Amino acid sequence: MGVASKAGDWAFKAFTAGLGVTTIYLTATFSVNVYRGLAWHNAQTKLEKQVSSEQSS
């Protein structure tokens, strides 16, 4: 195996490792953003219900 072949193998391994890390990072941040969005939506719904019950009283 030549030096160029080994260098190509290492470059490919580094590239695929980078893709793996990027995928894990994006999955984690997406999950956090979905959680925050649902929490925000739930808070807005509670606020709307509270305001409407105060207005009807």
PDB file of N, CA and C in Angstrom:
ATOM      1  N   MET A   1       0.841  -1.183   0.000  1.00  0.00           N
ATOM      2  CA  MET A   1       0.000   0.000   0.000  1.00  0.00           C
ATOM      3  C   MET A   1       0.885   1.244   0.000  1.00  0.00           C
ATOM      4  N   GLY A   2       0.587   2.147  -0.904  1.00  0.00           N
ATOM      5  CA  GLY A   2       1.399   3.340  -0.999  1.00  0.00           C
ATOM      6  C   GLY A   2       1.015   4.401   0.022  1.00  0.00           C
ATOM      7  N   VAL A   3       1.855   5.387   0.125  1.00  0.00           N
ATOM      8  CA  VAL A   3       1.622   6.487   1.064  1.00  0.00           C
ATOM      9  C   VAL A   3       0.363   7.260   0.675  1.00  0.00           C
ATOM     10  N   ALA A   4       0.170   7.457  -0.622  1.00  0.00           N
ATOM     11  CA  ALA A   4      -1.006   8.194  -1.083  1.00  0.00           C
ATOM     12  C   ALA A   4      -2.288   7.438  -0.749  1.00  0.00           C
ATOM     13  N   SER A   5      -2.250   6.125  -0.847  1.00  0.00           N
ATOM     14  CA  SER A   5      -3.419   5.313  -0.530  1.00  0.00           C
ATOM     15  C   SER A   5      -3.754   5.406   0.955  1.00  0.00           C
ATOM     16  N   LYS A   6      -2.734   5.354   1.810  1.00  0.00           N
ATOM     17  CA  LYS A   6      -2.962   5.480   3.248  1.00  0.00           C
ATOM     18  C   LYS A   6      -3.495   6.868   3.587  1.00  0.00           C
ATOM     19  N   ALA A   7      -2.946   7.874   2.932  1.00  0.00           N
ATOM     20  CA  ALA A   7      -3.412   9.242   3.180  1.00  0.00           C
ATOM     21  C   ALA A   7      -4.871   9.383   2.766  1.00  0.00           C
ATOM     22  N   GLY A   8      -5.230   8.768   1.652  1.00  0.00           N
ATOM     23  CA  GLY A   8      -6.623   8.804   1.210  1.00  0.00           C
ATOM     24  C   GLY A   8      -7.543   8.093   2.175  1.00  0.00           C
ATOM     25  N   ASP A   9      -7.078   6.959   2.707  1.00  0.00           N
ATOM     26  CA  ASP A   9      -7.873   6.227   3.699  1.00  0.00           C
ATOM     27  C   ASP A   9      -8.102   7.075   4.947  1.00  0.00           C
ATOM     28  N   TRP A  10      -7.045   7.711   5.428  1.00  0.00           N
ATOM     29  CA  TRP A  10      -7.187   8.543   6.620  1.00  0.00           C
ATOM     30  C   TRP A  10      -8.080   9.754   6.360  1.00  0.00           C
ATOM     31  N   ALA A  11      -7.966  10.335   5.175  1.00  0.00           N
ATOM     32  CA  ALA A  11      -8.819  11.482   4.834  1.00  0.00           C
ATOM     33  C   ALA A  11     -10.283  11.053   4.804  1.00  0.00           C
ATOM     34  N   PHE A  12     -10.540   9.877   4.235  1.00  0.00           N
ATOM     35  CA  PHE A  12     -11.922   9.384   4.186  1.00  0.00           C
ATOM     36  C   PHE A  12     -12.448   9.083   5.586  1.00  0.00           C
ATOM     37  N   LYS A  13     -11.621   8.473   6.431  1.00  0.00           N
ATOM     38  CA  LYS A  13     -12.032   8.183   7.805  1.00  0.00           C
ATOM     39  C   LYS A  13     -12.312   9.472   8.574  1.00  0.00           C
ATOM     40  N   ALA A  14     -11.473  10.472   8.401  1.00  0.00           N
ATOM     41  CA  ALA A  14     -11.682  11.753   9.081  1.00  0.00           C
ATOM     42  C   ALA A  14     -12.971  12.417   8.586  1.00  0.00           C
ATOM     43  N   PHE A  15     -13.212  12.329   7.288  1.00  0.00           N
ATOM     44  CA  PHE A  15     -14.428  12.923   6.714  1.00  0.00           C
ATOM     45  C   PHE A  15     -15.681  12.240   7.246  1.00  0.00           C
ATOM     46  N   THR A  16     -15.679  10.910   7.267  1.00  0.00           N
ATOM     47  CA  THR A  16     -16.860  10.190   7.749  1.00  0.00           C
ATOM     48  C   THR A  16     -17.046  10.384   9.250  1.00  0.00           C
ATOM     49  N   ALA A  17     -15.957  10.484  10.007  1.00  0.00           N
ATOM     50  CA  ALA A  17     -16.069  10.771  11.440  1.00  0.00           C
ATOM     51  C   ALA A  17     -16.671  12.158  11.645  1.00  0.00           C
ATOM     52  N   GLY A  18     -16.265  13.111  10.836  1.00  0.00           N
ATOM     53  CA  GLY A  18     -16.831  14.460  10.911  1.00  0.00           C
ATOM     54  C   GLY A  18     -18.319  14.462  10.599  1.00  0.00           C
ATOM     55  N   LEU A  19     -18.710  13.679   9.615  1.00  0.00           N
ATOM     56  CA  LEU A  19     -20.139  13.580   9.298  1.00  0.00           C
ATOM     57  C   LEU A  19     -20.921  12.966  10.451  1.00  0.00           C
ATOM     58  N   GLY A  20     -20.336  11.976  11.105  1.00  0.00           N
ATOM     59  CA  GLY A  20     -20.991  11.340  12.242  1.00  0.00           C
ATOM     60  C   GLY A  20     -21.177  12.309  13.395  1.00  0.00           C
ATOM     61  N   VAL A  21     -20.135  13.055  13.707  1.00  0.00           N
ATOM     62  CA  VAL A  21     -20.216  14.041  14.793  1.00  0.00           C
ATOM     63  C   VAL A  21     -21.233  15.123  14.450  1.00  0.00           C
ATOM     64  N   THR A  22     -21.231  15.578  13.219  1.00  0.00           N
ATOM     65  CA  THR A  22     -22.185  16.598  12.788  1.00  0.00           C
ATOM     66  C   THR A  22     -23.610  16.081  12.889  1.00  0.00           C
ATOM     67  N   THR A  23     -23.842  14.848  12.513  1.00  0.00           N
ATOM     68  CA  THR A  23     -25.177  14.255  12.596  1.00  0.00           C
ATOM     69  C   THR A  23     -25.656  14.185  14.040  1.00  0.00           C
ATOM     70  N   ILE A  24     -24.781  13.745  14.924  1.00  0.00           N
ATOM     71  CA  ILE A  24     -25.149  13.672  16.350  1.00  0.00           C
ATOM     72  C   ILE A  24     -25.455  15.060  16.895  1.00  0.00           C
ATOM     73  N   TYR A  25     -24.630  16.049  16.547  1.00  0.00           N
ATOM     74  CA  TYR A  25     -24.844  17.421  17.011  1.00  0.00           C
ATOM     75  C   TYR A  25     -26.182  17.974  16.511  1.00  0.00           C
ATOM     76  N   LEU A  26     -26.457  17.803  15.232  1.00  0.00           N
ATOM     77  CA  LEU A  26     -27.703  18.320  14.669  1.00  0.00           C
ATOM     78  C   LEU A  26     -28.920  17.618  15.250  1.00  0.00           C
ATOM     79  N   THR A  27     -28.817  16.325  15.503  1.00  0.00           N
ATOM     80  CA  THR A  27     -29.916  15.584  16.124  1.00  0.00           C
ATOM     81  C   THR A  27     -30.183  16.112  17.527  1.00  0.00           C
ATOM     82  N   ALA A  28     -29.131  16.348  18.286  1.00  0.00           N
ATOM     83  CA  ALA A  28     -29.289  16.854  19.655  1.00  0.00           C
ATOM     84  C   ALA A  28     -29.891  18.249  19.662  1.00  0.00           C
ATOM     85  N   THR A  29     -29.386  19.144  18.818  1.00  0.00           N
ATOM     86  CA  THR A  29     -29.910  20.514  18.820  1.00  0.00           C
ATOM     87  C   THR A  29     -31.342  20.542  18.298  1.00  0.00           C
ATOM     88  N   PHE A  30     -31.666  19.699  17.340  1.00  0.00           N
ATOM     89  CA  PHE A  30     -33.036  19.626  16.843  1.00  0.00           C
ATOM     90  C   PHE A  30     -33.986  19.185  17.957  1.00  0.00           C
ATOM     91  N   SER A  31     -33.566  18.169  18.719  1.00  0.00           N
ATOM     92  CA  SER A  31     -34.405  17.673  19.810  1.00  0.00           C
ATOM     93  C   SER A  31     -34.620  18.762  20.859  1.00  0.00           C
ATOM     94  N   VAL A  32     -33.571  19.489  21.190  1.00  0.00           N
ATOM     95  CA  VAL A  32     -33.695  20.577  22.171  1.00  0.00           C
ATOM     96  C   VAL A  32     -34.628  21.656  21.642  1.00  0.00           C
ATOM     97  N   ASN A  33     -34.517  21.999  20.381  1.00  0.00           N
ATOM     98  CA  ASN A  33     -35.374  23.033  19.812  1.00  0.00           C
ATOM     99  C   ASN A  33     -36.836  22.595  19.762  1.00  0.00           C
ATOM    100  N   VAL A  34     -37.087  21.334  19.469  1.00  0.00           N
ATOM    101  CA  VAL A  34     -38.472  20.833  19.489  1.00  0.00           C
ATOM    102  C   VAL A  34     -39.027  20.921  20.897  1.00  0.00           C
ATOM    103  N   TYR A  35     -38.236  20.520  21.893  1.00  0.00           N
ATOM    104  CA  TYR A  35     -38.677  20.589  23.285  1.00  0.00           C
ATOM    105  C   TYR A  35     -38.994  22.027  23.683  1.00  0.00           C
ATOM    106  N   ARG A  36     -38.110  22.965  23.339  1.00  0.00           N
ATOM    107  CA  ARG A  36     -38.335  24.377  23.671  1.00  0.00           C
ATOM    108  C   ARG A  36     -39.578  24.916  22.965  1.00  0.00           C
ATOM    109  N   GLY A  37     -39.770  24.522  21.727  1.00  0.00           N
ATOM    110  CA  GLY A  37     -40.941  24.978  20.988  1.00  0.00           C
ATOM    111  C   GLY A  37     -42.232  24.465  21.598  1.00  0.00           C
ATOM    112  N   LEU A  38     -42.242  23.203  21.999  1.00  0.00           N
ATOM    113  CA  LEU A  38     -43.439  22.649  22.639  1.00  0.00           C
ATOM    114  C   LEU A  38     -43.689  23.302  23.990  1.00  0.00           C
ATOM    115  N   ALA A  39     -42.624  23.553  24.754  1.00  0.00           N
ATOM    116  CA  ALA A  39     -42.774  24.218  26.047  1.00  0.00           C
ATOM    117  C   ALA A  39     -43.317  25.631  25.853  1.00  0.00           C
ATOM    118  N   TRP A  40     -42.821  26.350  24.854  1.00  0.00           N
ATOM    119  CA  TRP A  40     -43.303  27.703  24.578  1.00  0.00           C
ATOM    120  C   TRP A  40     -44.779  27.662  24.185  1.00  0.00           C
ATOM    121  N   HIS A  41     -45.130  26.726  23.331  1.00  0.00           N
ATOM    122  CA  HIS A  41     -46.513  26.616  22.883  1.00  0.00           C
ATOM    123  C   HIS A  41     -47.433  26.301  24.046  1.00  0.00           C
ATOM    124  N   ASN A  42     -47.016  25.427  24.938  1.00  0.00           N
ATOM    125  CA  ASN A  42     -47.799  25.085  26.114  1.00  0.00           C
ATOM    126  C   ASN A  42     -47.981  26.305  27.011  1.00  0.00           C
ATOM    127  N   ALA A  43     -46.924  27.102  27.190  1.00  0.00           N
ATOM    128  CA  ALA A  43     -47.017  28.313  28.014  1.00  0.00           C
ATOM    129  C   ALA A  43     -47.979  29.318  27.389  1.00  0.00           C
ATOM    130  N   GLN A  44     -47.961  29.445  26.066  1.00  0.00           N
ATOM    131  CA  GLN A  44     -48.870  30.377  25.399  1.00  0.00           C
ATOM    132  C   GLN A  44     -50.319  29.940  25.572  1.00  0.00           C
ATOM    133  N   THR A  45     -50.560  28.641  25.491  1.00  0.00           N
ATOM    134  CA  THR A  45     -51.915  28.113  25.652  1.00  0.00           C
ATOM    135  C   THR A  45     -52.424  28.372  27.061  1.00  0.00           C
ATOM    136  N   LYS A  46     -51.571  28.158  28.071  1.00  0.00           N
ATOM    137  CA  LYS A  46     -51.965  28.424  29.454  1.00  0.00           C
ATOM    138  C   LYS A  46     -52.260  29.905  29.653  1.00  0.00           C
ATOM    139  N   LEU A  47     -51.450  30.769  29.063  1.00  0.00           N
ATOM    140  CA  LEU A  47     -51.650  32.208  29.188  1.00  0.00           C
ATOM    141  C   LEU A  47     -52.966  32.619  28.546  1.00  0.00           C
ATOM    142  N   GLU A  48     -53.269  32.077  27.364  1.00  0.00           N
ATOM    143  CA  GLU A  48     -54.534  32.399  26.697  1.00  0.00           C
ATOM    144  C   GLU A  48     -55.728  31.958  27.531  1.00  0.00           C
ATOM    145  N   LYS A  49     -55.654  30.767  28.120  1.00  0.00           N
ATOM    146  CA  LYS A  49     -56.750  30.280  28.952  1.00  0.00           C
ATOM    147  C   LYS A  49     -56.923  31.152  30.186  1.00  0.00           C
ATOM    148  N   GLN A  50     -55.808  31.601  30.780  1.00  0.00           N
ATOM    149  CA  GLN A  50     -55.874  32.436  31.968  1.00  0.00           C
ATOM    150  C   GLN A  50     -56.493  33.793  31.631  1.00  0.00           C
ATOM    151  N   VAL A  51     -56.084  34.377  30.527  1.00  0.00           N
ATOM    152  CA  VAL A  51     -56.616  35.683  30.124  1.00  0.00           C
ATOM    153  C   VAL A  51     -58.111  35.564  29.811  1.00  0.00           C
ATOM    154  N   SER A  52     -58.508  34.519  29.116  1.00  0.00           N
ATOM    155  CA  SER A  52     -59.921  34.375  28.757  1.00  0.00           C
ATOM    156  C   SER A  52     -60.777  34.119  30.000  1.00  0.00           C
ATOM    157  N   SER A  53     -60.244  33.393  30.981  1.00  0.00           N
ATOM    158  CA  SER A  53     -61.036  33.152  32.208  1.00  0.00           C
ATOM    159  C   SER A  53     -61.137  34.415  33.044  1.00  0.00           C
ATOM    160  N   GLU A  54     -60.125  35.267  33.018  1.00  0.00           N
ATOM    161  CA  GLU A  54     -60.187  36.529  33.754  1.00  0.00           C
ATOM    162  C   GLU A  54     -61.166  37.493  33.095  1.00  0.00           C
ATOM    163  N   GLN A  55     -61.258  37.468  31.790  1.00  0.00           N
ATOM    164  CA  GLN A  55     -62.172  38.361  31.080  1.00  0.00           C
ATOM    165  C   GLN A  55     -63.630  37.937  31.266  1.00  0.00           C
ATOM    166  N   SER A  56     -63.880  36.647  31.410  1.00  0.00           N
ATOM    167  CA  SER A  56     -65.250  36.171  31.563  1.00  0.00           C
ATOM    168  C   SER A  56     -65.744  36.343  33.000  1.00  0.00           C
ATOM    169  N   SER A  57     -64.833  36.550  33.951  1.00  0.00           N
ATOM    170  CA  SER A  57     -65.234  36.710  35.349  1.00  0.00           C
ATOM    171  C   SER A  57     -65.779  38.090  35.627  1.00  0.00           C
TER     172      SER A  57
END
